[in-house]
Amino acid sequence: VLLEVDPKCYVAIHEADLRAGNPLRLISGKGDQSFMIESSPV
C-alpha cells in the first residue's frame, strides 16, 4: 500500500519474515485516515 504524503515524501506499508499466520491484510473504515491489521487467531 503506497501513500503520497506530499510530492517529496512517500511511504509504503509492507511486511517481512512471515513465519506463522496469514499474509498481511489492512482494513480501513470510511472516514478514517488509518489502517488496522486484519488478523485471525494464530
PDB file of all heavy atoms in Angstrom:
ATOM      1  N   VAL A   1       0.867  -1.170   0.000  1.00  0.00           N
ATOM      2  CA  VAL A   1       0.000   0.000   0.000  1.00  0.00           C
ATOM      3  C   VAL A   1       0.913   1.232   0.000  1.00  0.00           C
ATOM      4  O   VAL A   1       1.685   1.446   0.935  1.00  0.00           O
ATOM      5  CB  VAL A   1      -0.929   0.019   1.223  1.00  0.00           C
ATOM      6  CG1 VAL A   1      -1.744   1.302   1.249  1.00  0.00           C
ATOM      7  CG2 VAL A   1      -1.864  -1.195   1.197  1.00  0.00           C
ATOM      8  N   LEU A   2       0.833   2.009  -1.068  1.00  0.00           N
ATOM      9  CA  LEU A   2       1.680   3.185  -1.251  1.00  0.00           C
ATOM     10  C   LEU A   2       0.895   4.437  -0.896  1.00  0.00           C
ATOM     11  O   LEU A   2      -0.279   4.562  -1.253  1.00  0.00           O
ATOM     12  CB  LEU A   2       2.155   3.263  -2.702  1.00  0.00           C
ATOM     13  CG  LEU A   2       2.848   4.554  -3.141  1.00  0.00           C
ATOM     14  CD1 LEU A   2       4.213   4.678  -2.491  1.00  0.00           C
ATOM     15  CD2 LEU A   2       2.957   4.607  -4.665  1.00  0.00           C
ATOM     16  N   LEU A   3       1.539   5.379  -0.199  1.00  0.00           N
ATOM     17  CA  LEU A   3       0.884   6.638   0.151  1.00  0.00           C
ATOM     18  C   LEU A   3       1.775   7.811  -0.219  1.00  0.00           C
ATOM     19  O   LEU A   3       2.981   7.806   0.044  1.00  0.00           O
ATOM     20  CB  LEU A   3       0.575   6.690   1.650  1.00  0.00           C
ATOM     21  CG  LEU A   3      -0.377   5.606   2.160  1.00  0.00           C
ATOM     22  CD1 LEU A   3       0.412   4.540   2.905  1.00  0.00           C
ATOM     23  CD2 LEU A   3      -1.433   6.197   3.067  1.00  0.00           C
ATOM     24  N   GLU A   4       1.163   8.813  -0.839  1.00  0.00           N
ATOM     25  CA  GLU A   4       1.858  10.071  -1.125  1.00  0.00           C
ATOM     26  C   GLU A   4       1.544  11.043   0.009  1.00  0.00           C
ATOM     27  O   GLU A   4       0.423  11.525   0.135  1.00  0.00           O
ATOM     28  CB  GLU A   4       1.422  10.660  -2.447  1.00  0.00           C
ATOM     29  CG  GLU A   4       2.173  11.948  -2.797  1.00  0.00           C
ATOM     30  CD  GLU A   4       1.675  12.590  -4.082  1.00  0.00           C
ATOM     31  OE1 GLU A   4       0.449  12.719  -4.244  1.00  0.00           O
ATOM     32  OE2 GLU A   4       2.527  12.949  -4.910  1.00  0.00           O
ATOM     33  N   VAL A   5       2.543  11.309   0.835  1.00  0.00           N
ATOM     34  CA  VAL A   5       2.385  12.282   1.919  1.00  0.00           C
ATOM     35  C   VAL A   5       2.402  13.684   1.327  1.00  0.00           C
ATOM     36  O   VAL A   5       1.560  14.529   1.641  1.00  0.00           O
ATOM     37  CB  VAL A   5       3.503  12.099   2.965  1.00  0.00           C
ATOM     38  CG1 VAL A   5       3.402  13.149   4.059  1.00  0.00           C
ATOM     39  CG2 VAL A   5       3.428  10.688   3.564  1.00  0.00           C
ATOM     40  N   ASP A   6       3.384  13.926   0.472  1.00  0.00           N
ATOM     41  CA  ASP A   6       3.453  15.135  -0.341  1.00  0.00           C
ATOM     42  C   ASP A   6       4.390  14.816  -1.507  1.00  0.00           C
ATOM     43  O   ASP A   6       4.955  13.714  -1.557  1.00  0.00           O
ATOM     44  CB  ASP A   6       3.906  16.356   0.477  1.00  0.00           C
ATOM     45  CG  ASP A   6       5.308  16.216   1.054  1.00  0.00           C
ATOM     46  OD1 ASP A   6       6.215  15.721   0.339  1.00  0.00           O
ATOM     47  OD2 ASP A   6       5.508  16.595   2.222  1.00  0.00           O
ATOM     48  N   PRO A   7       4.569  15.728  -2.467  1.00  0.00           N
ATOM     49  CA  PRO A   7       5.392  15.403  -3.643  1.00  0.00           C
ATOM     50  C   PRO A   7       6.843  15.036  -3.329  1.00  0.00           C
ATOM     51  O   PRO A   7       7.530  14.511  -4.202  1.00  0.00           O
ATOM     52  CB  PRO A   7       5.314  16.683  -4.484  1.00  0.00           C
ATOM     53  CG  PRO A   7       4.006  17.293  -4.111  1.00  0.00           C
ATOM     54  CD  PRO A   7       3.855  17.011  -2.651  1.00  0.00           C
ATOM     55  N   LYS A   8       7.294  15.283  -2.103  1.00  0.00           N
ATOM     56  CA  LYS A   8       8.661  14.920  -1.721  1.00  0.00           C
ATOM     57  C   LYS A   8       8.693  13.949  -0.547  1.00  0.00           C
ATOM     58  O   LYS A   8       9.699  13.849   0.153  1.00  0.00           O
ATOM     59  CB  LYS A   8       9.459  16.186  -1.382  1.00  0.00           C
ATOM     60  CG  LYS A   8       9.696  17.104  -2.573  1.00  0.00           C
ATOM     61  CD  LYS A   8      10.605  18.257  -2.203  1.00  0.00           C
ATOM     62  CE  LYS A   8      10.879  19.150  -3.413  1.00  0.00           C
ATOM     63  NZ  LYS A   8      11.777  20.296  -3.060  1.00  0.00           N
ATOM     64  N   CYS A   9       7.598  13.222  -0.370  1.00  0.00           N
ATOM     65  CA  CYS A   9       7.534  12.295   0.762  1.00  0.00           C
ATOM     66  C   CYS A   9       6.566  11.162   0.438  1.00  0.00           C
ATOM     67  O   CYS A   9       5.367  11.410   0.238  1.00  0.00           O
ATOM     68  CB  CYS A   9       7.102  13.024   2.032  1.00  0.00           C
ATOM     69  SG  CYS A   9       7.035  11.987   3.501  1.00  0.00           S
ATOM     70  N   TYR A  10       7.081   9.927   0.373  1.00  0.00           N
ATOM     71  CA  TYR A  10       6.273   8.754   0.075  1.00  0.00           C
ATOM     72  C   TYR A  10       6.554   7.667   1.105  1.00  0.00           C
ATOM     73  O   TYR A  10       7.694   7.508   1.566  1.00  0.00           O
ATOM     74  CB  TYR A  10       6.586   8.211  -1.324  1.00  0.00           C
ATOM     75  CG  TYR A  10       6.239   9.171  -2.437  1.00  0.00           C
ATOM     76  CD1 TYR A  10       7.151  10.139  -2.855  1.00  0.00           C
ATOM     77  CD2 TYR A  10       4.999   9.121  -3.060  1.00  0.00           C
ATOM     78  CE1 TYR A  10       6.841  11.023  -3.872  1.00  0.00           C
ATOM     79  CE2 TYR A  10       4.677  10.004  -4.081  1.00  0.00           C
ATOM     80  CZ  TYR A  10       5.603  10.948  -4.480  1.00  0.00           C
ATOM     81  OH  TYR A  10       5.293  11.830  -5.481  1.00  0.00           O
ATOM     82  N   VAL A  11       5.520   6.918   1.450  1.00  0.00           N
ATOM     83  CA  VAL A  11       5.684   5.762   2.333  1.00  0.00           C
ATOM     84  C   VAL A  11       4.894   4.596   1.750  1.00  0.00           C
ATOM     85  O   VAL A  11       3.963   4.779   0.960  1.00  0.00           O
ATOM     86  CB  VAL A  11       5.211   6.041   3.781  1.00  0.00           C
ATOM     87  CG1 VAL A  11       6.068   7.108   4.433  1.00  0.00           C
ATOM     88  CG2 VAL A  11       3.743   6.426   3.820  1.00  0.00           C
ATOM     89  N   ALA A  12       5.274   3.380   2.149  1.00  0.00           N
ATOM     90  CA  ALA A  12       4.576   2.182   1.689  1.00  0.00           C
ATOM     91  C   ALA A  12       4.558   1.164   2.820  1.00  0.00           C
ATOM     92  O   ALA A  12       5.572   0.944   3.492  1.00  0.00           O
ATOM     93  CB  ALA A  12       5.269   1.597   0.463  1.00  0.00           C
ATOM     94  N   ILE A  13       3.403   0.537   3.022  1.00  0.00           N
ATOM     95  CA  ILE A  13       3.245  -0.457   4.088  1.00  0.00           C
ATOM     96  C   ILE A  13       3.442  -1.850   3.506  1.00  0.00           C
ATOM     97  O   ILE A  13       2.863  -2.205   2.483  1.00  0.00           O
ATOM     98  CB  ILE A  13       1.854  -0.360   4.738  1.00  0.00           C
ATOM     99  CG1 ILE A  13       1.581   1.055   5.241  1.00  0.00           C
ATOM    100  CG2 ILE A  13       1.731  -1.360   5.885  1.00  0.00           C
ATOM    101  CD1 ILE A  13       0.185   1.252   5.785  1.00  0.00           C
ATOM    102  N   HIS A  14       4.244  -2.635   4.206  1.00  0.00           N
ATOM    103  CA  HIS A  14       4.517  -3.999   3.771  1.00  0.00           C
ATOM    104  C   HIS A  14       4.835  -4.838   5.004  1.00  0.00           C
ATOM    105  O   HIS A  14       4.700  -4.379   6.145  1.00  0.00           O
ATOM    106  CB  HIS A  14       5.679  -4.023   2.769  1.00  0.00           C
ATOM    107  CG  HIS A  14       5.599  -5.132   1.770  1.00  0.00           C
ATOM    108  ND1 HIS A  14       4.890  -6.291   1.972  1.00  0.00           N
ATOM    109  CD2 HIS A  14       6.154  -5.259   0.528  1.00  0.00           C
ATOM    110  CE1 HIS A  14       5.006  -7.080   0.918  1.00  0.00           C
ATOM    111  NE2 HIS A  14       5.766  -6.466   0.018  1.00  0.00           N
ATOM    112  N   GLU A  15       5.295  -6.075   4.794  1.00  0.00           N
ATOM    113  CA  GLU A  15       5.725  -6.931   5.896  1.00  0.00           C
ATOM    114  C   GLU A  15       6.913  -7.769   5.438  1.00  0.00           C
ATOM    115  O   GLU A  15       7.194  -7.879   4.243  1.00  0.00           O
ATOM    116  CB  GLU A  15       4.593  -7.836   6.383  1.00  0.00           C
ATOM    117  CG  GLU A  15       4.184  -8.933   5.416  1.00  0.00           C
ATOM    118  CD  GLU A  15       3.137  -9.876   5.988  1.00  0.00           C
ATOM    119  OE1 GLU A  15       2.927  -9.878   7.208  1.00  0.00           O
ATOM    120  OE2 GLU A  15       2.513 -10.611   5.188  1.00  0.00           O
ATOM    121  N   ALA A  16       7.599  -8.379   6.402  1.00  0.00           N
ATOM    122  CA  ALA A  16       8.746  -9.236   6.091  1.00  0.00           C
ATOM    123  C   ALA A  16       8.850 -10.334   7.148  1.00  0.00           C
ATOM    124  O   ALA A  16       8.370 -10.187   8.268  1.00  0.00           O
ATOM    125  CB  ALA A  16      10.043  -8.416   6.049  1.00  0.00           C
ATOM    126  N   ASP A  17       9.481 -11.431   6.764  1.00  0.00           N
ATOM    127  CA  ASP A  17       9.757 -12.558   7.663  1.00  0.00           C
ATOM    128  C   ASP A  17       8.471 -13.112   8.292  1.00  0.00           C
ATOM    129  O   ASP A  17       8.370 -13.275   9.507  1.00  0.00           O
ATOM    130  CB  ASP A  17      10.753 -12.145   8.748  1.00  0.00           C
ATOM    131  CG  ASP A  17      11.362 -13.346   9.471  1.00  0.00           C
ATOM    132  OD1 ASP A  17      11.227 -14.470   8.954  1.00  0.00           O
ATOM    133  OD2 ASP A  17      11.941 -13.154  10.550  1.00  0.00           O
ATOM    134  N   LEU A  18       7.492 -13.413   7.453  1.00  0.00           N
ATOM    135  CA  LEU A  18       6.240 -14.025   7.911  1.00  0.00           C
ATOM    136  C   LEU A  18       6.487 -15.509   8.163  1.00  0.00           C
ATOM    137  O   LEU A  18       6.795 -16.259   7.243  1.00  0.00           O
ATOM    138  CB  LEU A  18       5.149 -13.833   6.858  1.00  0.00           C
ATOM    139  CG  LEU A  18       3.817 -14.529   7.118  1.00  0.00           C
ATOM    140  CD1 LEU A  18       3.149 -13.971   8.369  1.00  0.00           C
ATOM    141  CD2 LEU A  18       2.904 -14.402   5.908  1.00  0.00           C
ATOM    142  N   ARG A  19       6.334 -15.949   9.413  1.00  0.00           N
ATOM    143  CA  ARG A  19       6.609 -17.346   9.771  1.00  0.00           C
ATOM    144  C   ARG A  19       5.357 -18.121  10.161  1.00  0.00           C
ATOM    145  O   ARG A  19       5.352 -19.345  10.126  1.00  0.00           O
ATOM    146  CB  ARG A  19       7.616 -17.399  10.921  1.00  0.00           C
ATOM    147  CG  ARG A  19       8.871 -16.605  10.655  1.00  0.00           C
ATOM    148  CD  ARG A  19       9.890 -16.748  11.748  1.00  0.00           C
ATOM    149  NE  ARG A  19      10.993 -15.827  11.564  1.00  0.00           N
ATOM    150  CZ  ARG A  19      12.132 -15.875  12.235  1.00  0.00           C
ATOM    151  NH1 ARG A  19      12.313 -16.805  13.139  1.00  0.00           N
ATOM    152  NH2 ARG A  19      13.079 -14.986  12.012  1.00  0.00           N
ATOM    153  N   ALA A  20       4.328 -17.422  10.591  1.00  0.00           N
ATOM    154  CA  ALA A  20       3.088 -18.074  11.000  1.00  0.00           C
ATOM    155  C   ALA A  20       1.926 -17.134  10.748  1.00  0.00           C
ATOM    156  O   ALA A  20       2.081 -15.919  10.803  1.00  0.00           O
ATOM    157  CB  ALA A  20       3.146 -18.467  12.482  1.00  0.00           C
ATOM    158  N   GLY A  21       0.749 -17.702  10.471  1.00  0.00           N
ATOM    159  CA  GLY A  21      -0.431 -16.874  10.239  1.00  0.00           C
ATOM    160  C   GLY A  21      -0.595 -16.493   8.784  1.00  0.00           C
ATOM    161  O   GLY A  21       0.103 -16.986   7.891  1.00  0.00           O
ATOM    162  N   ASN A  22      -1.526 -15.589   8.532  1.00  0.00           N
ATOM    163  CA  ASN A  22      -1.872 -15.192   7.175  1.00  0.00           C
ATOM    164  C   ASN A  22      -1.044 -14.001   6.707  1.00  0.00           C
ATOM    165  O   ASN A  22      -0.573 -13.206   7.521  1.00  0.00           O
ATOM    166  CB  ASN A  22      -3.352 -14.816   7.108  1.00  0.00           C
ATOM    167  CG  ASN A  22      -4.252 -15.985   7.453  1.00  0.00           C
ATOM    168  OD1 ASN A  22      -3.976 -17.121   7.067  1.00  0.00           O
ATOM    169  ND2 ASN A  22      -5.327 -15.724   8.173  1.00  0.00           N
ATOM    170  N   PRO A  23      -0.881 -13.849   5.387  1.00  0.00           N
ATOM    171  CA  PRO A  23      -0.216 -12.650   4.866  1.00  0.00           C
ATOM    172  C   PRO A  23      -0.957 -11.389   5.290  1.00  0.00           C
ATOM    173  O   PRO A  23      -2.154 -11.405   5.562  1.00  0.00           O
ATOM    174  CB  PRO A  23      -0.279 -12.845   3.350  1.00  0.00           C
ATOM    175  CG  PRO A  23      -0.409 -14.316   3.154  1.00  0.00           C
ATOM    176  CD  PRO A  23      -1.226 -14.810   4.313  1.00  0.00           C
ATOM    177  N   LEU A  24      -0.218 -10.290   5.320  1.00  0.00           N
ATOM    178  CA  LEU A  24      -0.745  -9.017   5.806  1.00  0.00           C
ATOM    179  C   LEU A  24      -1.922  -8.536   4.963  1.00  0.00           C
ATOM    180  O   LEU A  24      -1.865  -8.508   3.735  1.00  0.00           O
ATOM    181  CB  LEU A  24       0.363  -7.964   5.785  1.00  0.00           C
ATOM    182  CG  LEU A  24      -0.011  -6.553   6.238  1.00  0.00           C
ATOM    183  CD1 LEU A  24      -0.435  -6.552   7.699  1.00  0.00           C
ATOM    184  CD2 LEU A  24       1.169  -5.601   6.024  1.00  0.00           C
ATOM    185  N   ARG A  25      -3.000  -8.163   5.652  1.00  0.00           N
ATOM    186  CA  ARG A  25      -4.161  -7.506   5.048  1.00  0.00           C
ATOM    187  C   ARG A  25      -4.530  -6.338   5.954  1.00  0.00           C
ATOM    188  O   ARG A  25      -4.559  -6.471   7.180  1.00  0.00           O
ATOM    189  CB  ARG A  25      -5.339  -8.476   4.915  1.00  0.00           C
ATOM    190  CG  ARG A  25      -5.187  -9.483   3.786  1.00  0.00           C
ATOM    191  CD  ARG A  25      -6.104 -10.676   3.969  1.00  0.00           C
ATOM    192  NE  ARG A  25      -7.507 -10.314   4.039  1.00  0.00           N
ATOM    193  CZ  ARG A  25      -8.342 -10.342   3.002  1.00  0.00           C
ATOM    194  NH1 ARG A  25      -7.896 -10.682   1.807  1.00  0.00           N
ATOM    195  NH2 ARG A  25      -9.622 -10.027   3.149  1.00  0.00           N
ATOM    196  N   LEU A  26      -4.806  -5.201   5.332  1.00  0.00           N
ATOM    197  CA  LEU A  26      -5.095  -3.981   6.074  1.00  0.00           C
ATOM    198  C   LEU A  26      -6.562  -3.610   5.892  1.00  0.00           C
ATOM    199  O   LEU A  26      -7.108  -3.738   4.800  1.00  0.00           O
ATOM    200  CB  LEU A  26      -4.201  -2.842   5.570  1.00  0.00           C
ATOM    201  CG  LEU A  26      -2.699  -3.100   5.685  1.00  0.00           C
ATOM    202  CD1 LEU A  26      -1.920  -2.085   4.855  1.00  0.00           C
ATOM    203  CD2 LEU A  26      -2.244  -3.054   7.132  1.00  0.00           C
ATOM    204  N   ILE A  27      -7.186  -3.144   6.964  1.00  0.00           N
ATOM    205  CA  ILE A  27      -8.597  -2.800   6.908  1.00  0.00           C
ATOM    206  C   ILE A  27      -8.793  -1.355   7.353  1.00  0.00           C
ATOM    207  O   ILE A  27      -8.130  -0.875   8.281  1.00  0.00           O
ATOM    208  CB  ILE A  27      -9.436  -3.764   7.777  1.00  0.00           C
ATOM    209  CG1 ILE A  27     -10.937  -3.489   7.594  1.00  0.00           C
ATOM    210  CG2 ILE A  27      -9.038  -3.705   9.245  1.00  0.00           C
ATOM    211  CD1 ILE A  27     -11.821  -4.575   8.152  1.00  0.00           C
ATOM    212  N   SER A  28      -9.686  -0.662   6.658  1.00  0.00           N
ATOM    213  CA  SER A  28      -9.975   0.736   6.988  1.00  0.00           C
ATOM    214  C   SER A  28     -11.460   0.986   6.812  1.00  0.00           C
ATOM    215  O   SER A  28     -12.112   0.394   5.934  1.00  0.00           O
ATOM    216  CB  SER A  28      -9.171   1.672   6.082  1.00  0.00           C
ATOM    217  OG  SER A  28      -9.426   3.028   6.391  1.00  0.00           O
ATOM    218  N   GLY A  29     -12.008   1.853   7.645  1.00  0.00           N
ATOM    219  CA  GLY A  29     -13.405   2.243   7.541  1.00  0.00           C
ATOM    220  C   GLY A  29     -13.539   3.604   6.899  1.00  0.00           C
ATOM    221  O   GLY A  29     -12.652   4.461   7.028  1.00  0.00           O
ATOM    222  N   LYS A  30     -14.623   3.810   6.197  1.00  0.00           N
ATOM    223  CA  LYS A  30     -14.836   5.087   5.502  1.00  0.00           C
ATOM    224  C   LYS A  30     -14.812   6.230   6.506  1.00  0.00           C
ATOM    225  O   LYS A  30     -15.426   6.166   7.565  1.00  0.00           O
ATOM    226  CB  LYS A  30     -16.172   5.066   4.761  1.00  0.00           C
ATOM    227  CG  LYS A  30     -16.328   6.200   3.762  1.00  0.00           C
ATOM    228  CD  LYS A  30     -17.548   5.997   2.901  1.00  0.00           C
ATOM    229  CE  LYS A  30     -17.702   7.102   1.861  1.00  0.00           C
ATOM    230  NZ  LYS A  30     -16.586   7.139   0.910  1.00  0.00           N
ATOM    231  N   GLY A  31     -14.073   7.272   6.170  1.00  0.00           N
ATOM    232  CA  GLY A  31     -13.926   8.408   7.067  1.00  0.00           C
ATOM    233  C   GLY A  31     -12.665   8.347   7.915  1.00  0.00           C
ATOM    234  O   GLY A  31     -12.260   9.358   8.487  1.00  0.00           O
ATOM    235  N   ASP A  32     -12.039   7.167   7.983  1.00  0.00           N
ATOM    236  CA  ASP A  32     -10.802   7.042   8.747  1.00  0.00           C
ATOM    237  C   ASP A  32      -9.611   7.532   7.933  1.00  0.00           C
ATOM    238  O   ASP A  32      -9.674   7.650   6.712  1.00  0.00           O
ATOM    239  CB  ASP A  32     -10.562   5.582   9.147  1.00  0.00           C
ATOM    240  CG  ASP A  32     -11.575   5.073  10.143  1.00  0.00           C
ATOM    241  OD1 ASP A  32     -12.245   5.913  10.775  1.00  0.00           O
ATOM    242  OD2 ASP A  32     -11.702   3.848  10.286  1.00  0.00           O
ATOM    243  N   GLN A  33      -8.527   7.770   8.634  1.00  0.00           N
ATOM    244  CA  GLN A  33      -7.241   8.048   7.997  1.00  0.00           C
ATOM    245  C   GLN A  33      -6.217   7.028   8.476  1.00  0.00           C
ATOM    246  O   GLN A  33      -5.048   7.339   8.664  1.00  0.00           O
ATOM    247  CB  GLN A  33      -6.768   9.464   8.329  1.00  0.00           C
ATOM    248  CG  GLN A  33      -7.653  10.556   7.771  1.00  0.00           C
ATOM    249  CD  GLN A  33      -7.192  11.948   8.152  1.00  0.00           C
ATOM    250  OE1 GLN A  33      -7.813  12.931   7.778  1.00  0.00           O
ATOM    251  NE2 GLN A  33      -6.120  12.051   8.909  1.00  0.00           N
ATOM    252  N   SER A  34      -6.676   5.807   8.673  1.00  0.00           N
ATOM    253  CA  SER A  34      -5.803   4.807   9.282  1.00  0.00           C
ATOM    254  C   SER A  34      -6.087   3.423   8.709  1.00  0.00           C
ATOM    255  O   SER A  34      -7.122   3.179   8.095  1.00  0.00           O
ATOM    256  CB  SER A  34      -6.011   4.788  10.794  1.00  0.00           C
ATOM    257  OG  SER A  34      -7.344   4.422  11.115  1.00  0.00           O
ATOM    258  N   PHE A  35      -5.121   2.536   8.940  1.00  0.00           N
ATOM    259  CA  PHE A  35      -5.279   1.123   8.649  1.00  0.00           C
ATOM    260  C   PHE A  35      -5.053   0.342   9.935  1.00  0.00           C
ATOM    261  O   PHE A  35      -4.139   0.647  10.706  1.00  0.00           O
ATOM    262  CB  PHE A  35      -4.254   0.645   7.616  1.00  0.00           C
ATOM    263  CG  PHE A  35      -4.541   1.081   6.210  1.00  0.00           C
ATOM    264  CD1 PHE A  35      -3.718   2.010   5.584  1.00  0.00           C
ATOM    265  CD2 PHE A  35      -5.612   0.556   5.504  1.00  0.00           C
ATOM    266  CE1 PHE A  35      -3.971   2.412   4.289  1.00  0.00           C
ATOM    267  CE2 PHE A  35      -5.871   0.958   4.209  1.00  0.00           C
ATOM    268  CZ  PHE A  35      -5.044   1.882   3.595  1.00  0.00           C
ATOM    269  N   MET A  36      -5.875  -0.677  10.141  1.00  0.00           N
ATOM    270  CA  MET A  36      -5.634  -1.658  11.189  1.00  0.00           C
ATOM    271  C   MET A  36      -5.313  -2.981  10.504  1.00  0.00           C
ATOM    272  O   MET A  36      -5.672  -3.202   9.342  1.00  0.00           O
ATOM    273  CB  MET A  36      -6.859  -1.816  12.096  1.00  0.00           C
ATOM    274  CG  MET A  36      -7.301  -0.532  12.768  1.00  0.00           C
ATOM    275  SD  MET A  36      -6.046   0.209  13.856  1.00  0.00           S
ATOM    276  CE  MET A  36      -5.961  -1.044  15.144  1.00  0.00           C
ATOM    277  N   ILE A  37      -4.632  -3.850  11.226  1.00  0.00           N
ATOM    278  CA  ILE A  37      -4.295  -5.149  10.657  1.00  0.00           C
ATOM    279  C   ILE A  37      -5.473  -6.097  10.831  1.00  0.00           C
ATOM    280  O   ILE A  37      -5.956  -6.295  11.950  1.00  0.00           O
ATOM    281  CB  ILE A  37      -3.028  -5.720  11.309  1.00  0.00           C
ATOM    282  CG1 ILE A  37      -1.818  -4.893  10.865  1.00  0.00           C
ATOM    283  CG2 ILE A  37      -2.835  -7.192  10.947  1.00  0.00           C
ATOM    284  CD1 ILE A  37      -0.507  -5.338  11.441  1.00  0.00           C
ATOM    285  N   GLU A  38      -5.955  -6.642   9.712  1.00  0.00           N
ATOM    286  CA  GLU A  38      -6.999  -7.656   9.805  1.00  0.00           C
ATOM    287  C   GLU A  38      -6.322  -8.974  10.174  1.00  0.00           C
ATOM    288  O   GLU A  38      -5.556  -9.527   9.398  1.00  0.00           O
ATOM    289  CB  GLU A  38      -7.728  -7.809   8.474  1.00  0.00           C
ATOM    290  CG  GLU A  38      -8.911  -8.763   8.589  1.00  0.00           C
ATOM    291  CD  GLU A  38      -9.350  -9.320   7.255  1.00  0.00           C
ATOM    292  OE1 GLU A  38      -8.486  -9.812   6.515  1.00  0.00           O
ATOM    293  OE2 GLU A  38     -10.551  -9.277   6.977  1.00  0.00           O
ATOM    294  N   SER A  39      -6.602  -9.467  11.358  1.00  0.00           N
ATOM    295  CA  SER A  39      -5.890 -10.648  11.823  1.00  0.00           C
ATOM    296  C   SER A  39      -6.861 -11.721  12.277  1.00  0.00           C
ATOM    297  O   SER A  39      -8.042 -11.461  12.529  1.00  0.00           O
ATOM    298  CB  SER A  39      -4.935 -10.286  12.963  1.00  0.00           C
ATOM    299  OG  SER A  39      -5.636  -9.673  14.029  1.00  0.00           O
ATOM    300  N   SER A  40      -6.361 -12.925  12.380  1.00  0.00           N
ATOM    301  CA  SER A  40      -7.129 -14.074  12.836  1.00  0.00           C
ATOM    302  C   SER A  40      -6.273 -14.838  13.839  1.00  0.00           C
ATOM    303  O   SER A  40      -5.068 -14.585  13.963  1.00  0.00           O
ATOM    304  CB  SER A  40      -7.498 -14.959  11.644  1.00  0.00           C
ATOM    305  OG  SER A  40      -6.339 -15.340  10.927  1.00  0.00           O
ATOM    306  N   PRO A  41      -6.863 -15.763  14.591  1.00  0.00           N
ATOM    307  CA  PRO A  41      -6.091 -16.497  15.603  1.00  0.00           C
ATOM    308  C   PRO A  41      -4.856 -17.163  15.005  1.00  0.00           C
ATOM    309  O   PRO A  41      -4.897 -17.718  13.907  1.00  0.00           O
ATOM    310  CB  PRO A  41      -7.102 -17.542  16.110  1.00  0.00           C
ATOM    311  CG  PRO A  41      -8.434 -16.908  15.893  1.00  0.00           C
ATOM    312  CD  PRO A  41      -8.296 -16.137  14.611  1.00  0.00           C
ATOM    313  N   VAL A  42      -3.757 -17.091  15.732  1.00  0.00           N
ATOM    314  CA  VAL A  42      -2.504 -17.680  15.273  1.00  0.00           C
ATOM    315  C   VAL A  42      -1.676 -18.097  16.475  1.00  0.00           C
ATOM    316  O   VAL A  42      -1.744 -17.471  17.543  1.00  0.00           O
ATOM    317  CB  VAL A  42      -1.712 -16.676  14.392  1.00  0.00           C
ATOM    318  CG1 VAL A  42      -1.335 -15.430  15.183  1.00  0.00           C
ATOM    319  CG2 VAL A  42      -0.468 -17.324  13.807  1.00  0.00           C
TER     320      VAL A  42
END
